[in-house]
C-alpha atoms as a PDB file:
ATOM      1  CA  MET A   1      79.935 135.224  75.032  1.00  0.00           C
ATOM      2  CA  GLU A   2      80.588 137.289  78.167  1.00  0.00           C
ATOM      3  CA  SER A   3      84.172 138.139  79.037  1.00  0.00           C
ATOM      4  CA  GLU A   4      83.820 136.565  82.504  1.00  0.00           C
ATOM      5  CA  ALA A   5      81.935 133.450  83.583  1.00  0.00           C
ATOM      6  CA  PHE A   6      81.095 132.478  87.147  1.00  0.00           C
ATOM      7  CA  VAL A   7      79.880 128.877  87.344  1.00  0.00           C
ATOM      8  CA  SER A   8      78.729 126.683  90.211  1.00  0.00           C
ATOM      9  CA  GLY A   9      80.820 123.559  90.126  1.00  0.00           C
ATOM     10  CA  ASP A  10      81.204 120.377  92.151  1.00  0.00           C
ATOM     11  CA  GLU A  11      80.271 120.491  95.844  1.00  0.00           C
ATOM     12  CA  GLY A  12      78.980 124.044  95.541  1.00  0.00           C
ATOM     13  CA  ALA A  13      82.335 125.537  94.540  1.00  0.00           C
ATOM     14  CA  VAL A  14      82.199 128.644  92.377  1.00  0.00           C
ATOM     15  CA  PHE A  15      84.732 129.042  89.588  1.00  0.00           C
ATOM     16  CA  GLN A  16      85.554 132.108  87.547  1.00  0.00           C
ATOM     17  CA  LEU A  17      86.856 131.237  84.109  1.00  0.00           C
ATOM     18  CA  ASP A  18      89.523 133.682  83.077  1.00  0.00           C
ATOM     19  CA  PRO A  19      88.732 135.833  80.006  1.00  0.00           C
ATOM     20  CA  ALA A  20      91.804 134.403  78.248  1.00  0.00           C
ATOM     21  CA  VAL A  21      90.259 130.921  78.492  1.00  0.00           C
ATOM     22  CA  LEU A  22      86.823 132.113  77.415  1.00  0.00           C
ATOM     23  CA  ASP A  23      88.384 133.747  74.367  1.00  0.00           C
ATOM     24  CA  VAL A  24      89.690 130.429  73.027  1.00  0.00           C
ATOM     25  CA  LEU A  25      86.861 128.029  73.912  1.00  0.00           C
ATOM     26  CA  PRO A  26      85.505 127.059  70.480  1.00  0.00           C
ATOM     27  CA  ASN A  27      81.890 127.815  69.512  1.00  0.00           C
ATOM     28  CA  VAL A  28      80.622 127.925  73.122  1.00  0.00           C
ATOM     29  CA  ALA A  29      77.180 129.337  73.877  1.00  0.00           C
ATOM     30  CA  GLU A  30      77.022 128.360  77.559  1.00  0.00           C
ATOM     31  CA  ILE A  31      79.337 127.132  80.306  1.00  0.00           C
ATOM     32  CA  VAL A  32      77.400 124.355  82.042  1.00  0.00           C
ATOM     33  CA  ASN A  33      79.812 123.230  84.734  1.00  0.00           C
ATOM     34  CA  VAL A  34      83.415 123.591  85.882  1.00  0.00           C
ATOM     35  CA  SER A  35      84.975 121.009  88.173  1.00  0.00           C
ATOM     36  CA  HIS A  36      88.341 120.014  89.584  1.00  0.00           C
ATOM     37  CA  ASN A  37      89.986 117.240  87.591  1.00  0.00           C
ATOM     38  CA  GLY A  38      93.043 116.415  89.691  1.00  0.00           C
ATOM     39  CA  GLU A  39      96.424 117.949  90.335  1.00  0.00           C
ATOM     40  CA  SER A  40     100.094 117.088  90.293  1.00  0.00           C
ATOM     41  CA  ALA A  41     103.065 118.481  92.128  1.00  0.00           C
ATOM     42  CA  TRP A  42     103.355 121.208  89.492  1.00  0.00           C
ATOM     43  CA  ALA A  43      99.882 121.945  88.094  1.00  0.00           C
ATOM     44  CA  LYS A  44      96.131 121.844  88.682  1.00  0.00           C
ATOM     45  CA  ALA A  45      93.451 120.666  86.246  1.00  0.00           C
ATOM     46  CA  LEU A  46      89.835 121.565  85.525  1.00  0.00           C
ATOM     47  CA  ARG A  47      87.053 120.051  83.428  1.00  0.00           C
ATOM     48  CA  VAL A  48      84.776 122.515  81.631  1.00  0.00           C
ATOM     49  CA  ASP A  49      81.423 121.261  80.302  1.00  0.00           C
ATOM     50  CA  THR A  50      79.769 123.437  77.675  1.00  0.00           C
ATOM     51  CA  LEU A  51      76.929 123.733  75.206  1.00  0.00           C
ATOM     52  CA  THR A  52      77.832 124.846  71.705  1.00  0.00           C
ATOM     53  CA  ALA A  53      75.861 127.307  69.621  1.00  0.00           C
ATOM     54  CA  ASN A  54      74.103 124.407  67.868  1.00  0.00           C
ATOM     55  CA  GLY A  55      73.163 122.724  71.151  1.00  0.00           C
ATOM     56  CA  ASN A  56      75.858 120.017  71.281  1.00  0.00           C
ATOM     57  CA  LYS A  57      77.601 119.125  74.529  1.00  0.00           C
ATOM     58  CA  GLU A  58      81.400 119.481  74.559  1.00  0.00           C
ATOM     59  CA  SER A  59      83.881 119.063  77.400  1.00  0.00           C
ATOM     60  CA  TYR A  60      87.371 120.517  77.710  1.00  0.00           C
ATOM     61  CA  PHE A  61      90.419 119.913  79.880  1.00  0.00           C
ATOM     62  CA  ILE A  62      92.334 122.881  81.273  1.00  0.00           C
ATOM     63  CA  LYS A  63      95.712 122.605  82.964  1.00  0.00           C
ATOM     64  CA  VAL A  64      96.719 125.679  84.936  1.00  0.00           C
ATOM     65  CA  LYS A  65      99.918 126.809  86.588  1.00  0.00           C
ATOM     66  CA  LEU A  66      99.065 129.472  89.141  1.00  0.00           C
ATOM     67  CA  LYS A  67     101.506 131.889  90.762  1.00  0.00           C
ATOM     68  CA  ASN A  68     102.140 131.089  94.440  1.00  0.00           C
ATOM     69  CA  SER A  69      99.946 127.977  94.293  1.00  0.00           C
ATOM     70  CA  GLN A  70     100.936 124.926  96.345  1.00  0.00           C
ATOM     71  CA  THR A  71      99.310 121.587  95.657  1.00  0.00           C
ATOM     72  CA  THR A  72      98.553 119.082  98.377  1.00  0.00           C
ATOM     73  CA  THR A  73     100.956 116.578  96.837  1.00  0.00           C
ATOM     74  CA  ASP A  74     103.848 119.009  96.525  1.00  0.00           C
ATOM     75  CA  LEU A  75     105.978 117.502  99.271  1.00  0.00           C
ATOM     76  CA  SER A  76     109.347 116.971  97.610  1.00  0.00           C
ATOM     77  CA  HIS A  77     110.145 120.430  96.224  1.00  0.00           C
ATOM     78  CA  SER A  78     112.792 122.705  97.613  1.00  0.00           C
ATOM     79  CA  SER A  79     112.105 126.459  97.590  1.00  0.00           C
ATOM     80  CA  GLN A  80     114.445 126.753  94.600  1.00  0.00           C
ATOM     81  CA  LYS A  81     112.562 124.068  92.700  1.00  0.00           C
ATOM     82  CA  ASP A  82     109.190 125.720  93.409  1.00  0.00           C
ATOM     83  CA  GLN A  83     110.134 128.620  91.163  1.00  0.00           C
ATOM     84  CA  ILE A  84     110.049 126.373  88.082  1.00  0.00           C
ATOM     85  CA  SER A  85     106.225 126.161  88.138  1.00  0.00           C
ATOM     86  CA  VAL A  86     105.435 129.858  87.825  1.00  0.00           C
ATOM     87  CA  GLY A  87     106.455 132.812  85.696  1.00  0.00           C
ATOM     88  CA  THR A  88     108.506 132.113  82.589  1.00  0.00           C
ATOM     89  CA  HIS A  89     109.027 128.417  83.339  1.00  0.00           C
ATOM     90  CA  GLY A  90     105.322 127.774  83.909  1.00  0.00           C
ATOM     91  CA  ARG A  91     104.505 129.556  80.669  1.00  0.00           C
ATOM     92  CA  GLU A  92     107.139 127.664  78.695  1.00  0.00           C
ATOM     93  CA  ALA A  93     106.079 124.304  80.170  1.00  0.00           C
ATOM     94  CA  LEU A  94     102.515 124.734  78.932  1.00  0.00           C
ATOM     95  CA  LYS A  95     103.710 126.072  75.595  1.00  0.00           C
ATOM     96  CA  GLY A  96     105.866 122.951  75.275  1.00  0.00           C
ATOM     97  CA  GLU A  97     102.916 120.704  76.098  1.00  0.00           C
ATOM     98  CA  TYR A  98     100.776 122.419  73.473  1.00  0.00           C
ATOM     99  CA  GLU A  99     103.487 122.287  70.809  1.00  0.00           C
ATOM    100  CA  GLY A 100     104.349 118.665  71.597  1.00  0.00           C
ATOM    101  CA  THR A 101     100.704 117.562  71.545  1.00  0.00           C
ATOM    102  CA  SER A 102     100.161 119.481  68.309  1.00  0.00           C
ATOM    103  CA  ALA A 103     103.099 117.679  66.694  1.00  0.00           C
ATOM    104  CA  ILE A 104     101.773 114.269  67.799  1.00  0.00           C
ATOM    105  CA  PHE A 105      98.231 115.165  66.711  1.00  0.00           C
ATOM    106  CA  ALA A 106      99.464 116.213  63.270  1.00  0.00           C
ATOM    107  CA  ILE A 107     100.853 112.701  62.695  1.00  0.00           C
ATOM    108  CA  THR A 108      98.443 110.510  64.711  1.00  0.00           C
ATOM    109  CA  PRO A 109      95.220 112.417  65.500  1.00  0.00           C
ATOM    110  CA  ASP A 110      93.682 109.234  66.942  1.00  0.00           C
ATOM    111  CA  PHE A 111      96.457 108.935  69.553  1.00  0.00           C
ATOM    112  CA  CYS A 112      96.162 112.100  71.663  1.00  0.00           C
ATOM    113  CA  PRO A 113      93.629 114.785  72.660  1.00  0.00           C
ATOM    114  CA  ALA A 114      93.047 117.547  70.150  1.00  0.00           C
ATOM    115  CA  PRO A 115      95.043 120.548  71.431  1.00  0.00           C
ATOM    116  CA  ILE A 116      93.188 123.863  71.313  1.00  0.00           C
ATOM    117  CA  ALA A 117      95.213 126.665  72.890  1.00  0.00           C
ATOM    118  CA  TRP A 118      97.692 127.773  75.508  1.00  0.00           C
ATOM    119  CA  GLY A 119      98.391 131.181  76.997  1.00  0.00           C
ATOM    120  CA  SER A 120      98.579 133.422  80.044  1.00  0.00           C
ATOM    121  CA  LEU A 121      95.650 134.285  82.270  1.00  0.00           C
ATOM    122  CA  LYS A 122      94.485 137.893  82.174  1.00  0.00           C
ATOM    123  CA  THR A 123      93.331 138.185  85.789  1.00  0.00           C
ATOM    124  CA  GLN A 124      96.271 136.478  87.563  1.00  0.00           C
ATOM    125  CA  GLU A 125      99.858 137.553  87.128  1.00  0.00           C
ATOM    126  CA  ASP A 126     102.411 134.910  86.052  1.00  0.00           C
ATOM    127  CA  SER A 127      99.693 132.244  85.699  1.00  0.00           C
ATOM    128  CA  HIS A 128      99.158 130.199  82.572  1.00  0.00           C
ATOM    129  CA  PHE A 129      96.900 127.578  80.977  1.00  0.00           C
ATOM    130  CA  TYR A 130      96.732 124.790  78.405  1.00  0.00           C
ATOM    131  CA  LEU A 131      93.418 123.748  76.831  1.00  0.00           C
ATOM    132  CA  CYS A 132      92.499 120.556  74.967  1.00  0.00           C
ATOM    133  CA  LYS A 133      89.609 118.185  74.386  1.00  0.00           C
ATOM    134  CA  PHE A 134      88.436 116.290  77.501  1.00  0.00           C
ATOM    135  CA  TYR A 135      88.220 112.494  77.636  1.00  0.00           C
ATOM    136  CA  ASP A 136      86.561 110.254  80.231  1.00  0.00           C
ATOM    137  CA  PHE A 137      89.242 107.719  81.058  1.00  0.00           C
ATOM    138  CA  THR A 138      88.934 104.143  82.242  1.00  0.00           C
ATOM    139  CA  ASP A 139      91.656 103.052  84.646  1.00  0.00           C
ATOM    140  CA  GLY A 140      94.325 100.798  83.236  1.00  0.00           C
ATOM    141  CA  VAL A 141      96.987 100.611  80.543  1.00  0.00           C
ATOM    142  CA  PRO A 142      95.576 100.466  76.985  1.00  0.00           C
ATOM    143  CA  GLU A 143      95.564  97.082  75.279  1.00  0.00           C
ATOM    144  CA  PRO A 144      98.877  96.541  73.494  1.00  0.00           C
ATOM    145  CA  VAL A 145      97.887  95.719  69.906  1.00  0.00           C
ATOM    146  CA  SER A 146      96.230  98.986  68.837  1.00  0.00           C
ATOM    147  CA  PHE A 147      98.322 101.063  71.240  1.00  0.00           C
ATOM    148  CA  CYS A 148     101.641  99.866  69.851  1.00  0.00           C
ATOM    149  CA  GLU A 149     100.405 100.168  66.259  1.00  0.00           C
ATOM    150  CA  LYS A 150      99.603 103.838  66.880  1.00  0.00           C
ATOM    151  CA  LEU A 151     102.931 104.428  68.606  1.00  0.00           C
ATOM    152  CA  ALA A 152     104.788 102.773  65.748  1.00  0.00           C
ATOM    153  CA  ARG A 153     102.857 104.936  63.289  1.00  0.00           C
ATOM    154  CA  LEU A 154     103.833 108.049  65.246  1.00  0.00           C
ATOM    155  CA  HIS A 155     107.497 107.033  65.197  1.00  0.00           C
ATOM    156  CA  SER A 156     107.491 106.039  61.530  1.00  0.00           C
ATOM    157  CA  SER A 157     105.623 109.006  60.049  1.00  0.00           C
ATOM    158  CA  GLY A 158     106.417 112.667  59.780  1.00  0.00           C
ATOM    159  CA  SER A 159     109.854 114.150  59.357  1.00  0.00           C
ATOM    160  CA  SER A 160     112.080 116.239  61.561  1.00  0.00           C
ATOM    161  CA  PRO A 161     113.162 119.651  60.252  1.00  0.00           C
ATOM    162  CA  GLU A 162     116.363 119.096  58.280  1.00  0.00           C
ATOM    163  CA  GLY A 163     116.558 115.550  59.638  1.00  0.00           C
ATOM    164  CA  LYS A 164     117.862 116.693  63.022  1.00  0.00           C
ATOM    165  CA  PHE A 165     117.318 115.588  66.620  1.00  0.00           C
ATOM    166  CA  GLY A 166     115.686 118.083  68.980  1.00  0.00           C
ATOM    167  CA  PHE A 167     112.584 120.260  69.031  1.00  0.00           C
ATOM    168  CA  HIS A 168     111.645 123.798  68.056  1.00  0.00           C
ATOM    169  CA  CYS A 169     110.891 124.838  71.651  1.00  0.00           C
ATOM    170  CA  THR A 170     111.748 123.651  75.149  1.00  0.00           C
ATOM    171  CA  THR A 171     109.546 120.834  76.420  1.00  0.00           C
ATOM    172  CA  TYR A 172     109.198 119.829  80.055  1.00  0.00           C
ATOM    173  CA  ASN A 173     109.114 116.425  81.735  1.00  0.00           C
ATOM    174  CA  GLY A 174     107.031 117.253  84.791  1.00  0.00           C
ATOM    175  CA  ASP A 175     108.523 120.609  85.715  1.00  0.00           C
ATOM    176  CA  LEU A 176     111.981 119.722  84.405  1.00  0.00           C
ATOM    177  CA  PRO A 177     113.076 121.608  81.264  1.00  0.00           C
ATOM    178  CA  GLN A 178     114.649 119.274  78.731  1.00  0.00           C
ATOM    179  CA  TYR A 179     117.560 119.837  76.395  1.00  0.00           C
ATOM    180  CA  SER A 180     116.055 120.286  72.928  1.00  0.00           C
ATOM    181  CA  THR A 181     118.687 122.119  70.841  1.00  0.00           C
ATOM    182  CA  TRP A 182     118.819 120.780  67.281  1.00  0.00           C
ATOM    183  CA  HIS A 183     121.752 118.536  66.371  1.00  0.00           C
ATOM    184  CA  ASN A 184     122.696 116.154  63.584  1.00  0.00           C
ATOM    185  CA  SER A 185     124.170 113.496  65.891  1.00  0.00           C
ATOM    186  CA  TRP A 186     121.974 111.328  68.112  1.00  0.00           C
ATOM    187  CA  GLU A 187     124.955 110.523  70.370  1.00  0.00           C
ATOM    188  CA  TYR A 188     125.650 114.232  70.888  1.00  0.00           C
ATOM    189  CA  PHE A 189     121.993 115.091  71.447  1.00  0.00           C
ATOM    190  CA  PHE A 190     121.412 112.235  73.909  1.00  0.00           C
ATOM    191  CA  ALA A 191     124.607 112.908  75.865  1.00  0.00           C
ATOM    192  CA  ASN A 192     123.778 116.607  76.208  1.00  0.00           C
ATOM    193  CA  GLY A 193     120.264 115.781  77.342  1.00  0.00           C
ATOM    194  CA  LEU A 194     121.613 113.362  79.933  1.00  0.00           C
ATOM    195  CA  ARG A 195     124.112 115.953  81.189  1.00  0.00           C
ATOM    196  CA  ASN A 196     121.286 118.463  81.425  1.00  0.00           C
ATOM    197  CA  VAL A 197     119.091 116.299  83.645  1.00  0.00           C
ATOM    198  CA  LEU A 198     122.080 115.399  85.822  1.00  0.00           C
ATOM    199  CA  GLN A 199     122.899 119.086  86.276  1.00  0.00           C
ATOM    200  CA  VAL A 200     119.290 119.936  87.150  1.00  0.00           C
ATOM    201  CA  ARG A 201     119.212 117.127  89.738  1.00  0.00           C
ATOM    202  CA  LYS A 202     122.512 118.396  91.183  1.00  0.00           C
ATOM    203  CA  ASP A 203     121.281 122.005  91.272  1.00  0.00           C
ATOM    204  CA  TRP A 204     118.131 120.997  93.121  1.00  0.00           C
ATOM    205  CA  ALA A 205     119.455 118.238  95.395  1.00  0.00           C
ATOM    206  CA  GLY A 206     123.205 118.869  95.668  1.00  0.00           C
ATOM    207  CA  PRO A 207     126.115 116.586  94.722  1.00  0.00           C
ATOM    208  CA  HIS A 208     125.928 112.811  95.096  1.00  0.00           C
ATOM    209  CA  ASP A 209     129.408 111.349  95.552  1.00  0.00           C
ATOM    210  CA  GLU A 210     128.639 107.802  94.393  1.00  0.00           C
ATOM    211  CA  LEU A 211     126.744 108.942  91.306  1.00  0.00           C
ATOM    212  CA  ASP A 212     129.226 111.681  90.423  1.00  0.00           C
ATOM    213  CA  PHE A 213     132.133 109.208  90.628  1.00  0.00           C
ATOM    214  CA  LEU A 214     130.553 107.036  87.911  1.00  0.00           C
ATOM    215  CA  LEU A 215     129.765 109.769  85.407  1.00  0.00           C
ATOM    216  CA  PRO A 216     133.160 110.042  83.641  1.00  0.00           C
ATOM    217  CA  ASP A 217     133.027 106.348  82.692  1.00  0.00           C
ATOM    218  CA  LEU A 218     129.380 106.670  81.655  1.00  0.00           C
ATOM    219  CA  PHE A 219     130.140 109.486  79.220  1.00  0.00           C
ATOM    220  CA  ASP A 220     133.630 108.400  78.144  1.00  0.00           C
ATOM    221  CA  LYS A 221     133.042 104.661  77.765  1.00  0.00           C
ATOM    222  CA  VAL A 222     129.382 103.563  77.822  1.00  0.00           C
ATOM    223  CA  VAL A 223     127.745 106.247  75.670  1.00  0.00           C
ATOM    224  CA  PRO A 224     130.535 106.168  73.011  1.00  0.00           C
ATOM    225  CA  ARG A 225     130.331 102.359  72.935  1.00  0.00           C
ATOM    226  CA  LEU A 226     126.533 102.018  72.547  1.00  0.00           C
ATOM    227  CA  LEU A 227     125.374 104.964  70.436  1.00  0.00           C
ATOM    228  CA  PRO A 228     127.925 105.622  67.622  1.00  0.00           C
ATOM    229  CA  PRO A 229     127.376 102.130  66.111  1.00  0.00           C
ATOM    230  CA  LEU A 230     123.823 103.272  65.298  1.00  0.00           C
ATOM    231  CA  GLU A 231     125.228 105.964  62.986  1.00  0.00           C
ATOM    232  CA  THR A 232     128.417 104.407  61.572  1.00  0.00           C
ATOM    233  CA  SER A 233     129.382 101.550  59.226  1.00  0.00           C
ATOM    234  CA  GLY A 234     126.710 102.694  56.781  1.00  0.00           C
ATOM    235  CA  ARG A 235     123.965 102.866  59.404  1.00  0.00           C
ATOM    236  CA  THR A 236     121.780 105.919  59.992  1.00  0.00           C
ATOM    237  CA  ILE A 237     118.983 106.923  62.354  1.00  0.00           C
ATOM    238  CA  ILE A 238     115.970 108.749  60.992  1.00  0.00           C
ATOM    239  CA  PRO A 239     114.697 111.000  63.817  1.00  0.00           C
ATOM    240  CA  SER A 240     111.287 109.967  65.160  1.00  0.00           C
ATOM    241  CA  LEU A 241     108.838 112.127  67.061  1.00  0.00           C
ATOM    242  CA  VAL A 242     108.680 110.621  70.548  1.00  0.00           C
ATOM    243  CA  HIS A 243     106.273 111.364  73.385  1.00  0.00           C
ATOM    244  CA  CYS A 244     109.248 111.266  75.744  1.00  0.00           C
ATOM    245  CA  ASP A 245     107.317 110.698  78.995  1.00  0.00           C
ATOM    246  CA  LEU A 246     105.345 107.610  78.046  1.00  0.00           C
ATOM    247  CA  TRP A 247     104.576 105.821  81.301  1.00  0.00           C
ATOM    248  CA  CYS A 248     101.268 104.376  82.515  1.00  0.00           C
ATOM    249  CA  GLY A 249     100.303 107.723  84.074  1.00  0.00           C
ATOM    250  CA  ASN A 250     100.330 109.411  80.652  1.00  0.00           C
ATOM    251  CA  ALA A 251      98.338 106.773  78.748  1.00  0.00           C
ATOM    252  CA  ASN A 252      94.735 105.798  79.460  1.00  0.00           C
ATOM    253  CA  ILE A 253      91.847 103.798  78.066  1.00  0.00           C
ATOM    254  CA  VAL A 254      89.201 105.860  76.255  1.00  0.00           C
ATOM    255  CA  ASN A 255      87.036 102.961  75.047  1.00  0.00           C
ATOM    256  CA  GLU A 256      86.120 100.607  77.878  1.00  0.00           C
ATOM    257  CA  GLU A 257      84.840  97.942  75.489  1.00  0.00           C
ATOM    258  CA  THR A 258      87.923  97.724  73.258  1.00  0.00           C
ATOM    259  CA  GLU A 259      90.453  99.064  75.806  1.00  0.00           C
ATOM    260  CA  GLU A 260      91.902 101.320  73.126  1.00  0.00           C
ATOM    261  CA  GLY A 261      93.798 104.275  74.532  1.00  0.00           C
ATOM    262  CA  ILE A 262      95.483 107.583  73.911  1.00  0.00           C
ATOM    263  CA  VAL A 263      98.542 109.389  75.248  1.00  0.00           C
ATOM    264  CA  TYR A 264      98.789 112.882  76.709  1.00  0.00           C
ATOM    265  CA  ASP A 265     101.080 115.237  78.659  1.00  0.00           C
ATOM    266  CA  PRO A 266     104.035 114.781  76.276  1.00  0.00           C
ATOM    267  CA  ALA A 267     107.556 116.138  76.594  1.00  0.00           C
ATOM    268  CA  ALA A 268     108.079 115.590  72.894  1.00  0.00           C
ATOM    269  CA  PHE A 269     111.142 115.896  70.716  1.00  0.00           C
ATOM    270  CA  TRP A 270     112.686 114.161  67.690  1.00  0.00           C
ATOM    271  CA  ALA A 271     114.887 111.255  68.792  1.00  0.00           C
ATOM    272  CA  HIS A 272     115.911 107.671  68.143  1.00  0.00           C
ATOM    273  CA  ASN A 273     112.594 105.811  68.257  1.00  0.00           C
ATOM    274  CA  GLU A 274     113.942 103.256  70.754  1.00  0.00           C
ATOM    275  CA  TYR A 275     114.512 106.060  73.260  1.00  0.00           C
ATOM    276  CA  GLU A 276     110.750 106.031  73.882  1.00  0.00           C
ATOM    277  CA  LEU A 277     110.952 102.461  75.163  1.00  0.00           C
ATOM    278  CA  GLY A 278     113.541 103.331  77.783  1.00  0.00           C
ATOM    279  CA  ASN A 279     110.652 104.502  79.955  1.00  0.00           C
ATOM    280  CA  TRP A 280     109.022 101.081  79.611  1.00  0.00           C
ATOM    281  CA  ARG A 281     111.958  99.239  81.188  1.00  0.00           C
ATOM    282  CA  PRO A 282     111.105 100.007  84.848  1.00  0.00           C
ATOM    283  CA  ALA A 283     108.339  97.706  86.078  1.00  0.00           C
ATOM    284  CA  ARG A 284     106.720 100.674  87.842  1.00  0.00           C
ATOM    285  CA  ASN A 285     105.566 102.026  84.484  1.00  0.00           C
ATOM    286  CA  GLN A 286     103.463  98.910  83.671  1.00  0.00           C
ATOM    287  CA  PHE A 287     104.449  98.439  80.031  1.00  0.00           C
ATOM    288  CA  THR A 288     105.393  94.762  80.040  1.00  0.00           C
ATOM    289  CA  ARG A 289     107.498  92.796  77.548  1.00  0.00           C
ATOM    290  CA  LEU A 290     104.269  92.159  75.624  1.00  0.00           C
ATOM    291  CA  TYR A 291     104.259  95.847  74.632  1.00  0.00           C
ATOM    292  CA  PHE A 292     107.873  95.652  73.470  1.00  0.00           C
ATOM    293  CA  GLY A 293     106.996  92.669  71.290  1.00  0.00           C
ATOM    294  CA  GLU A 294     103.932  94.321  69.783  1.00  0.00           C
ATOM    295  CA  TYR A 295     105.848  97.503  69.057  1.00  0.00           C
ATOM    296  CA  HIS A 296     108.700  95.675  67.358  1.00  0.00           C
ATOM    297  CA  SER A 297     106.239  93.715  65.227  1.00  0.00           C
ATOM    298  CA  HIS A 298     105.835  97.068  63.436  1.00  0.00           C
ATOM    299  CA  VAL A 299     109.280  98.630  63.902  1.00  0.00           C
ATOM    300  CA  PRO A 300     112.340  96.341  63.897  1.00  0.00           C
ATOM    301  CA  THR A 301     115.110  96.801  66.413  1.00  0.00           C
ATOM    302  CA  ALA A 302     117.983  98.968  65.243  1.00  0.00           C
ATOM    303  CA  GLU A 303     121.340  97.461  64.329  1.00  0.00           C
ATOM    304  CA  PRO A 304     123.517  96.352  65.948  1.00  0.00           C
ATOM    305  CA  ALA A 305     120.697  94.242  67.389  1.00  0.00           C
ATOM    306  CA  GLU A 306     123.031  92.624  69.939  1.00  0.00           C
ATOM    307  CA  ASP A 307     123.283  96.004  71.705  1.00  0.00           C
ATOM    308  CA  TYR A 308     119.512  96.436  71.953  1.00  0.00           C
ATOM    309  CA  ASP A 309     119.009  95.569  75.622  1.00  0.00           C
ATOM    310  CA  ASP A 310     121.968  97.654  76.775  1.00  0.00           C
ATOM    311  CA  ARG A 311     120.777 100.606  74.666  1.00  0.00           C
ATOM    312  CA  ASN A 312     117.388 100.254  76.313  1.00  0.00           C
ATOM    313  CA  ALA A 313     119.070 100.259  79.721  1.00  0.00           C
ATOM    314  CA  LEU A 314     121.040 103.391  78.789  1.00  0.00           C
ATOM    315  CA  TYR A 315     117.866 105.152  77.652  1.00  0.00           C
ATOM    316  CA  ALA A 316     116.083 104.035  80.841  1.00  0.00           C
ATOM    317  CA  LEU A 317     118.829 105.734  82.855  1.00  0.00           C
ATOM    318  CA  ARG A 318     117.671 109.124  81.683  1.00  0.00           C
ATOM    319  CA  PHE A 319     114.115 108.441  82.847  1.00  0.00           C
ATOM    320  CA  ASP A 320     115.301 107.228  86.259  1.00  0.00           C
ATOM    321  CA  LEU A 321     117.413 110.369  86.583  1.00  0.00           C
ATOM    322  CA  HIS A 322     114.408 112.487  85.559  1.00  0.00           C
ATOM    323  CA  ALA A 323     112.488 110.853  88.397  1.00  0.00           C
ATOM    324  CA  ALA A 324     115.396 111.482  90.773  1.00  0.00           C
ATOM    325  CA  ALA A 325     115.280 115.199  89.897  1.00  0.00           C
ATOM    326  CA  LEU A 326     111.497 115.461  90.104  1.00  0.00           C
ATOM    327  CA  PHE A 327     111.108 113.572  93.399  1.00  0.00           C
ATOM    328  CA  LEU A 328     114.053 114.670  95.457  1.00  0.00           C
ATOM    329  CA  THR A 329     113.180 112.796  98.639  1.00  0.00           C
ATOM    330  CA  GLN A 330     112.908 109.391  96.919  1.00  0.00           C
ATOM    331  CA  GLU A 331     116.471 108.109  96.928  1.00  0.00           C
ATOM    332  CA  GLU A 332     115.523 104.849  95.191  1.00  0.00           C
ATOM    333  CA  TYR A 333     115.547 106.548  91.784  1.00  0.00           C
ATOM    334  CA  VAL A 334     119.167 107.629  92.195  1.00  0.00           C
ATOM    335  CA  GLN A 335     120.073 104.157  93.428  1.00  0.00           C
ATOM    336  CA  MET A 336     118.460 102.500  90.394  1.00  0.00           C
ATOM    337  CA  ALA A 337     120.529 104.749  88.144  1.00  0.00           C
ATOM    338  CA  ILE A 338     123.726 103.999  90.077  1.00  0.00           C
ATOM    339  CA  ASP A 339     123.142 100.237  89.876  1.00  0.00           C
ATOM    340  CA  GLU A 340     122.568 100.365  86.109  1.00  0.00           C
ATOM    341  CA  ILE A 341     125.551 102.624  85.449  1.00  0.00           C
ATOM    342  CA  GLN A 342     127.774 100.277  87.445  1.00  0.00           C
ATOM    343  CA  ARG A 343     126.557  97.299  85.385  1.00  0.00           C
ATOM    344  CA  LEU A 344     127.103  99.086  82.071  1.00  0.00           C
ATOM    345  CA  VAL A 345     130.534 100.399  83.057  1.00  0.00           C
ATOM    346  CA  GLU A 346     131.619  96.929  84.131  1.00  0.00           C
ATOM    347  CA  LYS A 347     130.398  95.435  80.842  1.00  0.00           C
ATOM    348  CA  PHE A 348     131.881  98.154  78.635  1.00  0.00           C
ATOM    349  CA  HIS A 349     134.942  99.080  80.686  1.00  0.00           C
ATOM    350  CA  ASP A 350     137.082  99.113  77.527  1.00  0.00           C
ATOM    351  CA  GLY A 351     134.793 101.628  75.826  1.00  0.00           C
ATOM    352  CA  ILE A 352     135.120 101.706  72.036  1.00  0.00           C
ATOM    353  CA  THR A 353     137.171  98.823  70.642  1.00  0.00           C
ATOM    354  CA  LYS A 354     138.144  97.993  67.075  1.00  0.00           C
ATOM    355  CA  SER A 355     135.411  95.367  66.932  1.00  0.00           C
ATOM    356  CA  THR A 356     132.730  97.955  67.676  1.00  0.00           C
ATOM    357  CA  GLU A 357     133.974 100.874  65.604  1.00  0.00           C
END
């Protein structure tokens, strides 16, 4: 088809699809319509409706990160933080989304959109895109039975390269680059990832005396108390592919009748499977205890089982601190993290003891 396409979209708007996008749209004979499909604080989205060469209708979702763009919801970013959404970071974020979705799709193709391509636009400098199949969503969290079966299947299938924790490229939670360097130890990998998000929050927002005061005990007592027992005394963790940003905003219903759903916008890496459920702990994310129960009907809790709730709280800390870094003006996320760290430090003030080694 032609190397440029100008299309009348919603409300009379005219869109030009970049040649780089046209090059990767599969088997398209005609672009029927292009319309806005929402935006976040770090990206914009389009829906592209097409006709294929054999006359079928197909729709695609395009996420774009444009140089010097500013979304209407982008109210919490400092000028330093703005730079993460363009240039190399914007490119790597969309690469990470494509690679993460591809990894999930390879294991559970019924659980995420089919990824198609990612790349850089040809007509706009330092601007990038990600392309996948489009779905019409119904509002609401997917029903728990099929959703948790698919999630359990994702976590229980596939194998990490060399049995390590990490990922083969950097993935992004929002516009926050995650630690993804391969490592044999889950404790080491998790601790480094937690240090990374804390450093990013500090770089963007500055020091926080109350939080910073608690960190030595968190890393010297709580983490060594809760995570090594998973990998000692004959126990091992098999790395699972996790979505890593699984909240209600990244899961939607695709079948209104059955309420079955899919996930999207992953920040994937190979981790302890229970790490995924840390993002379900905050009530704001709308995955209730029913979802925990359904999930663990397929995947049992790791031993020592008596540490399960505190492990979940530790994993939830990282997601609260992600939110604190992404939404700098919303102090409640930092406060939630502080409250939980204080509780865990008080409970495990002795750190590793002979009874837990």
